[in-house]
Each structure stands twice: as structure tokens, then as C-alpha cells.
Amino acid sequence: MTDGTSLTHYHIFDGTWQPVDGQVIEEIFVSIHVNGQELATIAATPIRQDWLAVGFLANEGFITSKDELRAVHICPSGLCVDVWLTHGIEPPPRRIVTSGAVEA
């Protein structure tokens, strides 16, 4: 797993240009699968993808309680989260959610 940042090299100007090594925030696409079916792909920082998936399900009204969760599993690459619920859902058409827009 990652801490959500990547090491990068850049320059700052403080009267003269100075090289700097620093951290920048990472963003990856995380696919959320519910009961074996892809629900959404979200651009997110790769930290606690399981919390992201459960929060997304709650925010979108697919669940109202943690008691509806049977299992939550982050795949080894961290690029997908499998969520198994105690009930079925009717997923919308495939979605990619980014910080700027939603595509249907």
C-alpha cells in the first residue's frame, strides 16, 4: 500500500531557482464492485479504499447501515474494492467519478 503520495523533483524560486525533492498527492482510479458487479470507478487518493467504497455506497443511498455489509475486500493492486451486501442493488449505468465531472 501507499501513503497516498509520490516523491517528485521540482524547482522553487526564492530569488534563485533551487532544486527540491518533495511529495505530491497521488490519484488513481478505484473501481467499486458490489455483489460481483462493477458499480463505479472513482478517481481518488489510494488510501483506505475500503472506507471510500463504503462511504460511496452510503452517500449514494445503496446502504443505510454497516449491518448491510457482508464483506469488503481491497484487491492486491489497490485498484478495486469488492463489497458484498446482504441485499441486491440496482446499479446505474457505468460511471467514472472525478474531482471535476461525472460521466454516464
PDB file of N, CA and C in Angstrom:
ATOM      1  N   MET A   1       0.837  -1.186   0.000  1.00  0.00           N
ATOM      2  CA  MET A   1       0.000   0.000   0.000  1.00  0.00           C
ATOM      3  C   MET A   1       0.877   1.242   0.000  1.00  0.00           C
ATOM      4  N   THR A   2       0.283   2.308  -0.364  1.00  0.00           N
ATOM      5  CA  THR A   2       0.972   3.584  -0.470  1.00  0.00           C
ATOM      6  C   THR A   2       0.482   4.525   0.633  1.00  0.00           C
ATOM      7  N   ASP A   3       1.250   5.568   0.873  1.00  0.00           N
ATOM      8  CA  ASP A   3       0.790   6.580   1.825  1.00  0.00           C
ATOM      9  C   ASP A   3       0.010   7.678   1.115  1.00  0.00           C
ATOM     10  N   GLY A   4      -0.247   7.499  -0.191  1.00  0.00           N
ATOM     11  CA  GLY A   4      -1.031   8.463  -0.952  1.00  0.00           C
ATOM     12  C   GLY A   4      -0.217   9.574  -1.572  1.00  0.00           C
ATOM     13  N   THR A   5       1.120   9.464  -1.472  1.00  0.00           N
ATOM     14  CA  THR A   5       1.979  10.478  -2.074  1.00  0.00           C
ATOM     15  C   THR A   5       3.052   9.814  -2.923  1.00  0.00           C
ATOM     16  N   SER A   6       3.625  10.605  -3.832  1.00  0.00           N
ATOM     17  CA  SER A   6       4.746  10.160  -4.660  1.00  0.00           C
ATOM     18  C   SER A   6       5.869  11.161  -4.521  1.00  0.00           C
ATOM     19  N   LEU A   7       7.085  10.664  -4.510  1.00  0.00           N
ATOM     20  CA  LEU A   7       8.256  11.533  -4.468  1.00  0.00           C
ATOM     21  C   LEU A   7       8.447  12.153  -5.848  1.00  0.00           C
ATOM     22  N   THR A   8       8.722  13.433  -5.893  1.00  0.00           N
ATOM     23  CA  THR A   8       8.961  14.127  -7.159  1.00  0.00           C
ATOM     24  C   THR A   8      10.078  15.137  -6.988  1.00  0.00           C
ATOM     25  N   HIS A   9      10.618  15.560  -8.097  1.00  0.00           N
ATOM     26  CA  HIS A   9      11.692  16.552  -8.098  1.00  0.00           C
ATOM     27  C   HIS A   9      11.176  17.783  -8.822  1.00  0.00           C
ATOM     28  N   TYR A  10      11.335  18.957  -8.220  1.00  0.00           N
ATOM     29  CA  TYR A  10      10.888  20.203  -8.834  1.00  0.00           C
ATOM     30  C   TYR A  10      11.799  21.339  -8.377  1.00  0.00           C
ATOM     31  N   HIS A  11      11.528  22.527  -8.887  1.00  0.00           N
ATOM     32  CA  HIS A  11      12.327  23.705  -8.529  1.00  0.00           C
ATOM     33  C   HIS A  11      11.429  24.759  -7.901  1.00  0.00           C
ATOM     34  N   ILE A  12      11.967  25.464  -6.923  1.00  0.00           N
ATOM     35  CA  ILE A  12      11.278  26.612  -6.340  1.00  0.00           C
ATOM     36  C   ILE A  12      12.137  27.850  -6.599  1.00  0.00           C
ATOM     37  N   PHE A  13      11.474  28.988  -6.615  1.00  0.00           N
ATOM     38  CA  PHE A  13      12.192  30.238  -6.829  1.00  0.00           C
ATOM     39  C   PHE A  13      12.130  31.063  -5.557  1.00  0.00           C
ATOM     40  N   ASP A  14      13.299  31.320  -4.990  1.00  0.00           N
ATOM     41  CA  ASP A  14      13.412  32.157  -3.794  1.00  0.00           C
ATOM     42  C   ASP A  14      14.565  33.132  -4.041  1.00  0.00           C
ATOM     43  N   GLY A  15      14.404  33.939  -5.078  1.00  0.00           N
ATOM     44  CA  GLY A  15      15.493  34.812  -5.512  1.00  0.00           C
ATOM     45  C   GLY A  15      16.338  34.125  -6.566  1.00  0.00           C
ATOM     46  N   THR A  16      16.566  32.831  -6.375  1.00  0.00           N
ATOM     47  CA  THR A  16      17.226  31.978  -7.371  1.00  0.00           C
ATOM     48  C   THR A  16      16.466  30.652  -7.411  1.00  0.00           C
ATOM     49  N   TRP A  17      16.618  29.934  -8.498  1.00  0.00           N
ATOM     50  CA  TRP A  17      15.963  28.634  -8.615  1.00  0.00           C
ATOM     51  C   TRP A  17      16.715  27.590  -7.803  1.00  0.00           C
ATOM     52  N   GLN A  18      15.976  26.853  -6.979  1.00  0.00           N
ATOM     53  CA  GLN A  18      16.567  25.816  -6.133  1.00  0.00           C
ATOM     54  C   GLN A  18      15.871  24.475  -6.402  1.00  0.00           C
ATOM     55  N   PRO A  19      16.666  23.412  -6.617  1.00  0.00           N
ATOM     56  CA  PRO A  19      16.035  22.099  -6.791  1.00  0.00           C
ATOM     57  C   PRO A  19      15.492  21.583  -5.447  1.00  0.00           C
ATOM     58  N   VAL A  20      14.349  20.924  -5.498  1.00  0.00           N
ATOM     59  CA  VAL A  20      13.707  20.402  -4.291  1.00  0.00           C
ATOM     60  C   VAL A  20      13.179  19.010  -4.587  1.00  0.00           C
ATOM     61  N   ASP A  21      13.344  18.106  -3.637  1.00  0.00           N
ATOM     62  CA  ASP A  21      12.659  16.819  -3.678  1.00  0.00           C
ATOM     63  C   ASP A  21      11.499  16.904  -2.704  1.00  0.00           C
ATOM     64  N   GLY A  22      10.326  16.534  -3.143  1.00  0.00           N
ATOM     65  CA  GLY A  22       9.165  16.626  -2.277  1.00  0.00           C
ATOM     66  C   GLY A  22       8.095  15.621  -2.646  1.00  0.00           C
ATOM     67  N   GLN A  23       7.057  15.619  -1.860  1.00  0.00           N
ATOM     68  CA  GLN A  23       5.941  14.698  -2.057  1.00  0.00           C
ATOM     69  C   GLN A  23       4.781  15.431  -2.741  1.00  0.00           C
ATOM     70  N   VAL A  24       4.106  14.736  -3.636  1.00  0.00           N
ATOM     71  CA  VAL A  24       2.860  15.227  -4.225  1.00  0.00           C
ATOM     72  C   VAL A  24       1.788  14.161  -4.010  1.00  0.00           C
ATOM     73  N   ILE A  25       0.546  14.596  -3.955  1.00  0.00           N
ATOM     74  CA  ILE A  25      -0.566  13.673  -3.740  1.00  0.00           C
ATOM     75  C   ILE A  25      -0.773  12.817  -4.980  1.00  0.00           C
ATOM     76  N   GLU A  26      -0.959  11.522  -4.776  1.00  0.00           N
ATOM     77  CA  GLU A  26      -1.270  10.599  -5.859  1.00  0.00           C
ATOM     78  C   GLU A  26      -2.773  10.551  -6.090  1.00  0.00           C
ATOM     79  N   GLU A  27      -3.162  10.164  -7.287  1.00  0.00           N
ATOM     80  CA  GLU A  27      -4.558   9.895  -7.582  1.00  0.00           C
ATOM     81  C   GLU A  27      -4.605   8.706  -8.529  1.00  0.00           C
ATOM     82  N   ILE A  28      -5.468   7.744  -8.205  1.00  0.00           N
ATOM     83  CA  ILE A  28      -5.644   6.560  -9.038  1.00  0.00           C
ATOM     84  C   ILE A  28      -7.137   6.378  -9.289  1.00  0.00           C
ATOM     85  N   PHE A  29      -7.467   5.519 -10.234  1.00  0.00           N
ATOM     86  CA  PHE A  29      -8.854   5.133 -10.442  1.00  0.00           C
ATOM     87  C   PHE A  29      -9.132   3.885  -9.618  1.00  0.00           C
ATOM     88  N   VAL A  30     -10.137   3.954  -8.764  1.00  0.00           N
ATOM     89  CA  VAL A  30     -10.547   2.831  -7.913  1.00  0.00           C
ATOM     90  C   VAL A  30     -11.925   2.369  -8.384  1.00  0.00           C
ATOM     91  N   SER A  31     -12.026   1.107  -8.779  1.00  0.00           N
ATOM     92  CA  SER A  31     -13.311   0.543  -9.193  1.00  0.00           C
ATOM     93  C   SER A  31     -13.984  -0.109  -7.995  1.00  0.00           C
ATOM     94  N   ILE A  32     -15.257   0.209  -7.812  1.00  0.00           N
ATOM     95  CA  ILE A  32     -16.047  -0.371  -6.726  1.00  0.00           C
ATOM     96  C   ILE A  32     -16.977  -1.407  -7.328  1.00  0.00           C
ATOM     97  N   HIS A  33     -16.846  -2.637  -6.847  1.00  0.00           N
ATOM     98  CA  HIS A  33     -17.700  -3.730  -7.300  1.00  0.00           C
ATOM     99  C   HIS A  33     -18.614  -4.108  -6.144  1.00  0.00           C
ATOM    100  N   VAL A  34     -19.898  -4.290  -6.441  1.00  0.00           N
ATOM    101  CA  VAL A  34     -20.866  -4.670  -5.417  1.00  0.00           C
ATOM    102  C   VAL A  34     -21.528  -5.980  -5.851  1.00  0.00           C
ATOM    103  N   ASN A  35     -21.460  -6.971  -4.972  1.00  0.00           N
ATOM    104  CA  ASN A  35     -22.041  -8.288  -5.236  1.00  0.00           C
ATOM    105  C   ASN A  35     -21.557  -8.843  -6.576  1.00  0.00           C
ATOM    106  N   GLY A  36     -20.273  -8.610  -6.883  1.00  0.00           N
ATOM    107  CA  GLY A  36     -19.665  -9.152  -8.092  1.00  0.00           C
ATOM    108  C   GLY A  36     -19.880  -8.336  -9.346  1.00  0.00           C
ATOM    109  N   GLN A  37     -20.515  -7.174  -9.249  1.00  0.00           N
ATOM    110  CA  GLN A  37     -20.813  -6.343 -10.407  1.00  0.00           C
ATOM    111  C   GLN A  37     -20.201  -4.954 -10.226  1.00  0.00           C
ATOM    112  N   GLU A  38     -19.531  -4.446 -11.275  1.00  0.00           N
ATOM    113  CA  GLU A  38     -18.921  -3.120 -11.168  1.00  0.00           C
ATOM    114  C   GLU A  38     -20.006  -2.058 -11.020  1.00  0.00           C
ATOM    115  N   LEU A  39     -19.823  -1.196 -10.020  1.00  0.00           N
ATOM    116  CA  LEU A  39     -20.786  -0.125  -9.762  1.00  0.00           C
ATOM    117  C   LEU A  39     -20.263   1.218 -10.254  1.00  0.00           C
ATOM    118  N   ALA A  40     -19.015   1.557  -9.918  1.00  0.00           N
ATOM    119  CA  ALA A  40     -18.466   2.864 -10.276  1.00  0.00           C
ATOM    120  C   ALA A  40     -16.949   2.811 -10.243  1.00  0.00           C
ATOM    121  N   THR A  41     -16.336   3.737 -10.966  1.00  0.00           N
ATOM    122  CA  THR A  41     -14.895   3.950 -10.901  1.00  0.00           C
ATOM    123  C   THR A  41     -14.676   5.391 -10.475  1.00  0.00           C
ATOM    124  N   ILE A  42     -13.883   5.563  -9.433  1.00  0.00           N
ATOM    125  CA  ILE A  42     -13.706   6.865  -8.803  1.00  0.00           C
ATOM    126  C   ILE A  42     -12.229   7.240  -8.803  1.00  0.00           C
ATOM    127  N   ALA A  43     -11.911   8.467  -9.165  1.00  0.00           N
ATOM    128  CA  ALA A  43     -10.548   8.970  -9.037  1.00  0.00           C
ATOM    129  C   ALA A  43     -10.357   9.380  -7.584  1.00  0.00           C
ATOM    130  N   ALA A  44      -9.335   8.804  -6.936  1.00  0.00           N
ATOM    131  CA  ALA A  44      -9.154   9.043  -5.508  1.00  0.00           C
ATOM    132  C   ALA A  44      -7.705   8.825  -5.099  1.00  0.00           C
ATOM    133  N   THR A  45      -7.350   9.385  -3.949  1.00  0.00           N
ATOM    134  CA  THR A  45      -6.057   9.102  -3.338  1.00  0.00           C
ATOM    135  C   THR A  45      -6.083   7.658  -2.851  1.00  0.00           C
ATOM    136  N   PRO A  46      -5.042   6.879  -3.128  1.00  0.00           N
ATOM    137  CA  PRO A  46      -5.063   5.450  -2.795  1.00  0.00           C
ATOM    138  C   PRO A  46      -4.797   5.148  -1.314  1.00  0.00           C
ATOM    139  N   ILE A  47      -5.681   5.655  -0.475  1.00  0.00           N
ATOM    140  CA  ILE A  47      -5.614   5.381   0.960  1.00  0.00           C
ATOM    141  C   ILE A  47      -7.002   4.961   1.406  1.00  0.00           C
ATOM    142  N   ARG A  48      -7.086   3.865   2.161  1.00  0.00           N
ATOM    143  CA  ARG A  48      -8.356   3.391   2.740  1.00  0.00           C
ATOM    144  C   ARG A  48      -9.453   3.288   1.688  1.00  0.00           C
ATOM    145  N   GLN A  49      -9.137   2.586   0.592  1.00  0.00           N
ATOM    146  CA  GLN A  49     -10.112   2.408  -0.468  1.00  0.00           C
ATOM    147  C   GLN A  49     -11.370   1.701   0.029  1.00  0.00           C
ATOM    148  N   ASP A  50     -11.231   0.881   1.079  1.00  0.00           N
ATOM    149  CA  ASP A  50     -12.405   0.212   1.646  1.00  0.00           C
ATOM    150  C   ASP A  50     -13.358   1.240   2.265  1.00  0.00           C
ATOM    151  N   TRP A  51     -12.813   2.212   2.957  1.00  0.00           N
ATOM    152  CA  TRP A  51     -13.648   3.273   3.548  1.00  0.00           C
ATOM    153  C   TRP A  51     -14.295   4.106   2.439  1.00  0.00           C
ATOM    154  N   LEU A  52     -13.522   4.376   1.390  1.00  0.00           N
ATOM    155  CA  LEU A  52     -14.054   5.116   0.250  1.00  0.00           C
ATOM    156  C   LEU A  52     -15.265   4.395  -0.335  1.00  0.00           C
ATOM    157  N   ALA A  53     -15.145   3.085  -0.547  1.00  0.00           N
ATOM    158  CA  ALA A  53     -16.231   2.310  -1.153  1.00  0.00           C
ATOM    159  C   ALA A  53     -17.472   2.309  -0.276  1.00  0.00           C
ATOM    160  N   VAL A  54     -17.301   2.075   1.011  1.00  0.00           N
ATOM    161  CA  VAL A  54     -18.447   2.039   1.928  1.00  0.00           C
ATOM    162  C   VAL A  54     -19.079   3.423   2.038  1.00  0.00           C
ATOM    163  N   GLY A  55     -18.272   4.453   2.107  1.00  0.00           N
ATOM    164  CA  GLY A  55     -18.794   5.813   2.159  1.00  0.00           C
ATOM    165  C   GLY A  55     -19.553   6.169   0.888  1.00  0.00           C
ATOM    166  N   PHE A  56     -19.031   5.739  -0.252  1.00  0.00           N
ATOM    167  CA  PHE A  56     -19.716   5.985  -1.518  1.00  0.00           C
ATOM    168  C   PHE A  56     -21.084   5.304  -1.531  1.00  0.00           C
ATOM    169  N   LEU A  57     -21.118   4.047  -1.085  1.00  0.00           N
ATOM    170  CA  LEU A  57     -22.393   3.318  -1.052  1.00  0.00           C
ATOM    171  C   LEU A  57     -23.405   3.995  -0.132  1.00  0.00           C
ATOM    172  N   ALA A  58     -22.942   4.483   1.006  1.00  0.00           N
ATOM    173  CA  ALA A  58     -23.844   5.170   1.937  1.00  0.00           C
ATOM    174  C   ALA A  58     -24.310   6.497   1.348  1.00  0.00           C
ATOM    175  N   ASN A  59     -23.376   7.268   0.788  1.00  0.00           N
ATOM    176  CA  ASN A  59     -23.707   8.574   0.226  1.00  0.00           C
ATOM    177  C   ASN A  59     -24.684   8.465  -0.944  1.00  0.00           C
ATOM    178  N   GLU A  60     -24.554   7.397  -1.736  1.00  0.00           N
ATOM    179  CA  GLU A  60     -25.429   7.212  -2.894  1.00  0.00           C
ATOM    180  C   GLU A  60     -26.737   6.512  -2.534  1.00  0.00           C
ATOM    181  N   GLY A  61     -26.902   6.149  -1.253  1.00  0.00           N
ATOM    182  CA  GLY A  61     -28.160   5.550  -0.805  1.00  0.00           C
ATOM    183  C   GLY A  61     -28.285   4.058  -1.044  1.00  0.00           C
ATOM    184  N   PHE A  62     -27.174   3.386  -1.381  1.00  0.00           N
ATOM    185  CA  PHE A  62     -27.223   1.943  -1.586  1.00  0.00           C
ATOM    186  C   PHE A  62     -27.268   1.191  -0.254  1.00  0.00           C
ATOM    187  N   ILE A  63     -26.715   1.799   0.801  1.00  0.00           N
ATOM    188  CA  ILE A  63     -26.780   1.221   2.143  1.00  0.00           C
ATOM    189  C   ILE A  63     -27.124   2.332   3.135  1.00  0.00           C
ATOM    190  N   THR A  64     -27.713   1.921   4.250  1.00  0.00           N
ATOM    191  CA  THR A  64     -28.022   2.883   5.316  1.00  0.00           C
ATOM    192  C   THR A  64     -27.403   2.456   6.643  1.00  0.00           C
ATOM    193  N   SER A  65     -26.800   1.256   6.669  1.00  0.00           N
ATOM    194  CA  SER A  65     -26.232   0.736   7.909  1.00  0.00           C
ATOM    195  C   SER A  65     -25.074  -0.205   7.590  1.00  0.00           C
ATOM    196  N   LYS A  66     -24.091  -0.261   8.479  1.00  0.00           N
ATOM    197  CA  LYS A  66     -22.983  -1.201   8.305  1.00  0.00           C
ATOM    198  C   LYS A  66     -23.453  -2.642   8.387  1.00  0.00           C
ATOM    199  N   ASP A  67     -24.636  -2.864   8.962  1.00  0.00           N
ATOM    200  CA  ASP A  67     -25.182  -4.212   9.053  1.00  0.00           C
ATOM    201  C   ASP A  67     -25.528  -4.791   7.683  1.00  0.00           C
ATOM    202  N   GLU A  68     -25.585  -3.942   6.659  1.00  0.00           N
ATOM    203  CA  GLU A  68     -25.874  -4.394   5.301  1.00  0.00           C
ATOM    204  C   GLU A  68     -24.624  -4.922   4.594  1.00  0.00           C
ATOM    205  N   LEU A  69     -23.455  -4.750   5.216  1.00  0.00           N
ATOM    206  CA  LEU A  69     -22.196  -5.214   4.640  1.00  0.00           C
ATOM    207  C   LEU A  69     -21.918  -6.642   5.057  1.00  0.00           C
ATOM    208  N   ARG A  70     -21.689  -7.524   4.071  1.00  0.00           N
ATOM    209  CA  ARG A  70     -21.256  -8.891   4.375  1.00  0.00           C
ATOM    210  C   ARG A  70     -19.734  -8.985   4.359  1.00  0.00           C
ATOM    211  N   ALA A  71     -19.114  -8.320   3.369  1.00  0.00           N
ATOM    212  CA  ALA A  71     -17.653  -8.352   3.247  1.00  0.00           C
ATOM    213  C   ALA A  71     -17.187  -7.172   2.424  1.00  0.00           C
ATOM    214  N   VAL A  72     -15.977  -6.676   2.752  1.00  0.00           N
ATOM    215  CA  VAL A  72     -15.339  -5.607   1.987  1.00  0.00           C
ATOM    216  C   VAL A  72     -13.880  -6.020   1.813  1.00  0.00           C
ATOM    217  N   HIS A  73     -13.411  -6.039   0.572  1.00  0.00           N
ATOM    218  CA  HIS A  73     -12.055  -6.511   0.292  1.00  0.00           C
ATOM    219  C   HIS A  73     -11.395  -5.610  -0.740  1.00  0.00           C
ATOM    220  N   ILE A  74     -10.178  -5.127  -0.430  1.00  0.00           N
ATOM    221  CA  ILE A  74      -9.384  -4.360  -1.382  1.00  0.00           C
ATOM    222  C   ILE A  74      -8.519  -5.358  -2.151  1.00  0.00           C
ATOM    223  N   CYS A  75      -8.541  -5.301  -3.488  1.00  0.00           N
ATOM    224  CA  CYS A  75      -7.712  -6.217  -4.267  1.00  0.00           C
ATOM    225  C   CYS A  75      -6.232  -5.859  -4.062  1.00  0.00           C
ATOM    226  N   PRO A  76      -5.320  -6.805  -4.315  1.00  0.00           N
ATOM    227  CA  PRO A  76      -3.896  -6.563  -4.030  1.00  0.00           C
ATOM    228  C   PRO A  76      -3.315  -5.318  -4.703  1.00  0.00           C
ATOM    229  N   SER A  77      -3.766  -4.975  -5.894  1.00  0.00           N
ATOM    230  CA  SER A  77      -3.235  -3.783  -6.572  1.00  0.00           C
ATOM    231  C   SER A  77      -3.758  -2.493  -5.965  1.00  0.00           C
ATOM    232  N   GLY A  78      -4.848  -2.568  -5.192  1.00  0.00           N
ATOM    233  CA  GLY A  78      -5.464  -1.383  -4.622  1.00  0.00           C
ATOM    234  C   GLY A  78      -6.354  -0.642  -5.596  1.00  0.00           C
ATOM    235  N   LEU A  79      -6.520  -1.188  -6.800  1.00  0.00           N
ATOM    236  CA  LEU A  79      -7.290  -0.515  -7.843  1.00  0.00           C
ATOM    237  C   LEU A  79      -8.773  -0.878  -7.835  1.00  0.00           C
ATOM    238  N   CYS A  80      -9.157  -1.830  -7.011  1.00  0.00           N
ATOM    239  CA  CYS A  80     -10.573  -2.180  -6.938  1.00  0.00           C
ATOM    240  C   CYS A  80     -10.935  -2.616  -5.512  1.00  0.00           C
ATOM    241  N   VAL A  81     -12.202  -2.423  -5.198  1.00  0.00           N
ATOM    242  CA  VAL A  81     -12.742  -2.839  -3.903  1.00  0.00           C
ATOM    243  C   VAL A  81     -13.969  -3.695  -4.189  1.00  0.00           C
ATOM    244  N   ASP A  82     -13.993  -4.887  -3.632  1.00  0.00           N
ATOM    245  CA  ASP A  82     -15.147  -5.773  -3.742  1.00  0.00           C
ATOM    246  C   ASP A  82     -15.967  -5.650  -2.466  1.00  0.00           C
ATOM    247  N   VAL A  83     -17.246  -5.319  -2.629  1.00  0.00           N
ATOM    248  CA  VAL A  83     -18.155  -5.191  -1.498  1.00  0.00           C
ATOM    249  C   VAL A  83     -19.291  -6.185  -1.712  1.00  0.00           C
ATOM    250  N   TRP A  84     -19.583  -6.969  -0.690  1.00  0.00           N
ATOM    251  CA  TRP A  84     -20.696  -7.911  -0.741  1.00  0.00           C
ATOM    252  C   TRP A  84     -21.720  -7.455   0.286  1.00  0.00           C
ATOM    253  N   LEU A  85     -22.945  -7.267  -0.187  1.00  0.00           N
ATOM    254  CA  LEU A  85     -24.030  -6.782   0.656  1.00  0.00           C
ATOM    255  C   LEU A  85     -24.990  -7.912   1.005  1.00  0.00           C
ATOM    256  N   THR A  86     -25.815  -7.669   1.996  1.00  0.00           N
ATOM    257  CA  THR A  86     -26.836  -8.648   2.395  1.00  0.00           C
ATOM    258  C   THR A  86     -28.044  -8.588   1.477  1.00  0.00           C
ATOM    259  N   HIS A  87     -28.021  -7.663   0.502  1.00  0.00           N
ATOM    260  CA  HIS A  87     -29.143  -7.487  -0.418  1.00  0.00           C
ATOM    261  C   HIS A  87     -28.606  -7.078  -1.782  1.00  0.00           C
ATOM    262  N   GLY A  88     -29.424  -7.184  -2.791  1.00  0.00           N
ATOM    263  CA  GLY A  88     -29.050  -6.748  -4.124  1.00  0.00           C
ATOM    264  C   GLY A  88     -29.256  -5.249  -4.284  1.00  0.00           C
ATOM    265  N   ILE A  89     -28.673  -4.698  -5.341  1.00  0.00           N
ATOM    266  CA  ILE A  89     -28.874  -3.284  -5.676  1.00  0.00           C
ATOM    267  C   ILE A  89     -29.137  -3.190  -7.173  1.00  0.00           C
ATOM    268  N   GLU A  90     -29.714  -2.098  -7.573  1.00  0.00           N
ATOM    269  CA  GLU A  90     -29.903  -1.800  -8.991  1.00  0.00           C
ATOM    270  C   GLU A  90     -28.875  -0.740  -9.369  1.00  0.00           C
ATOM    271  N   PRO A  91     -27.762  -1.165  -9.984  1.00  0.00           N
ATOM    272  CA  PRO A  91     -26.721  -0.180 -10.291  1.00  0.00           C
ATOM    273  C   PRO A  91     -27.131   0.716 -11.455  1.00  0.00           C
ATOM    274  N   PRO A  92     -26.691   1.981 -11.414  1.00  0.00           N
ATOM    275  CA  PRO A  92     -26.912   2.876 -12.551  1.00  0.00           C
ATOM    276  C   PRO A  92     -25.974   2.473 -13.685  1.00  0.00           C
ATOM    277  N   PRO A  93     -26.086   3.114 -14.853  1.00  0.00           N
ATOM    278  CA  PRO A  93     -25.110   2.848 -15.924  1.00  0.00           C
ATOM    279  C   PRO A  93     -23.697   3.117 -15.417  1.00  0.00           C
ATOM    280  N   ARG A  94     -22.705   2.513 -16.068  1.00  0.00           N
ATOM    281  CA  ARG A  94     -21.292   2.676 -15.672  1.00  0.00           C
ATOM    282  C   ARG A  94     -20.966   4.149 -15.480  1.00  0.00           C
ATOM    283  N   ARG A  95     -20.244   4.454 -14.391  1.00  0.00           N
ATOM    284  CA  ARG A  95     -19.890   5.834 -14.067  1.00  0.00           C
ATOM    285  C   ARG A  95     -18.415   5.944 -13.770  1.00  0.00           C
ATOM    286  N   ILE A  96     -17.839   7.047 -14.183  1.00  0.00           N
ATOM    287  CA  ILE A  96     -16.490   7.423 -13.753  1.00  0.00           C
ATOM    288  C   ILE A  96     -16.658   8.739 -13.017  1.00  0.00           C
ATOM    289  N   VAL A  97     -16.293   8.761 -11.751  1.00  0.00           N
ATOM    290  CA  VAL A  97     -16.439   9.962 -10.938  1.00  0.00           C
ATOM    291  C   VAL A  97     -15.059  10.561 -10.735  1.00  0.00           C
ATOM    292  N   THR A  98     -14.882  11.827 -11.125  1.00  0.00           N
ATOM    293  CA  THR A  98     -13.616  12.515 -10.926  1.00  0.00           C
ATOM    294  C   THR A  98     -13.875  13.747 -10.072  1.00  0.00           C
ATOM    295  N   SER A  99     -12.825  14.443  -9.746  1.00  0.00           N
ATOM    296  CA  SER A  99     -12.995  15.644  -8.949  1.00  0.00           C
ATOM    297  C   SER A  99     -13.656  16.759  -9.752  1.00  0.00           C
ATOM    298  N   GLY A 100     -13.704  16.622 -11.077  1.00  0.00           N
ATOM    299  CA  GLY A 100     -14.231  17.694 -11.904  1.00  0.00           C
ATOM    300  C   GLY A 100     -15.578  17.420 -12.535  1.00  0.00           C
ATOM    301  N   ALA A 101     -15.896  16.153 -12.826  1.00  0.00           N
ATOM    302  CA  ALA A 101     -17.136  15.892 -13.560  1.00  0.00           C
ATOM    303  C   ALA A 101     -17.549  14.438 -13.399  1.00  0.00           C
ATOM    304  N   VAL A 102     -18.794  14.162 -13.740  1.00  0.00           N
ATOM    305  CA  VAL A 102     -19.333  12.803 -13.725  1.00  0.00           C
ATOM    306  C   VAL A 102     -19.749  12.473 -15.149  1.00  0.00           C
ATOM    307  N   GLU A 103     -19.286  11.330 -15.643  1.00  0.00           N
ATOM    308  CA  GLU A 103     -19.691  10.876 -16.962  1.00  0.00           C
ATOM    309  C   GLU A 103     -20.599   9.681 -16.827  1.00  0.00           C
ATOM    310  N   ALA A 104     -21.645   9.637 -17.607  1.00  0.00           N
ATOM    311  CA  ALA A 104     -22.554   8.480 -17.595  1.00  0.00           C
ATOM    312  C   ALA A 104     -22.280   7.616 -18.798  1.00  0.00           C
TER     313      ALA A 104
END
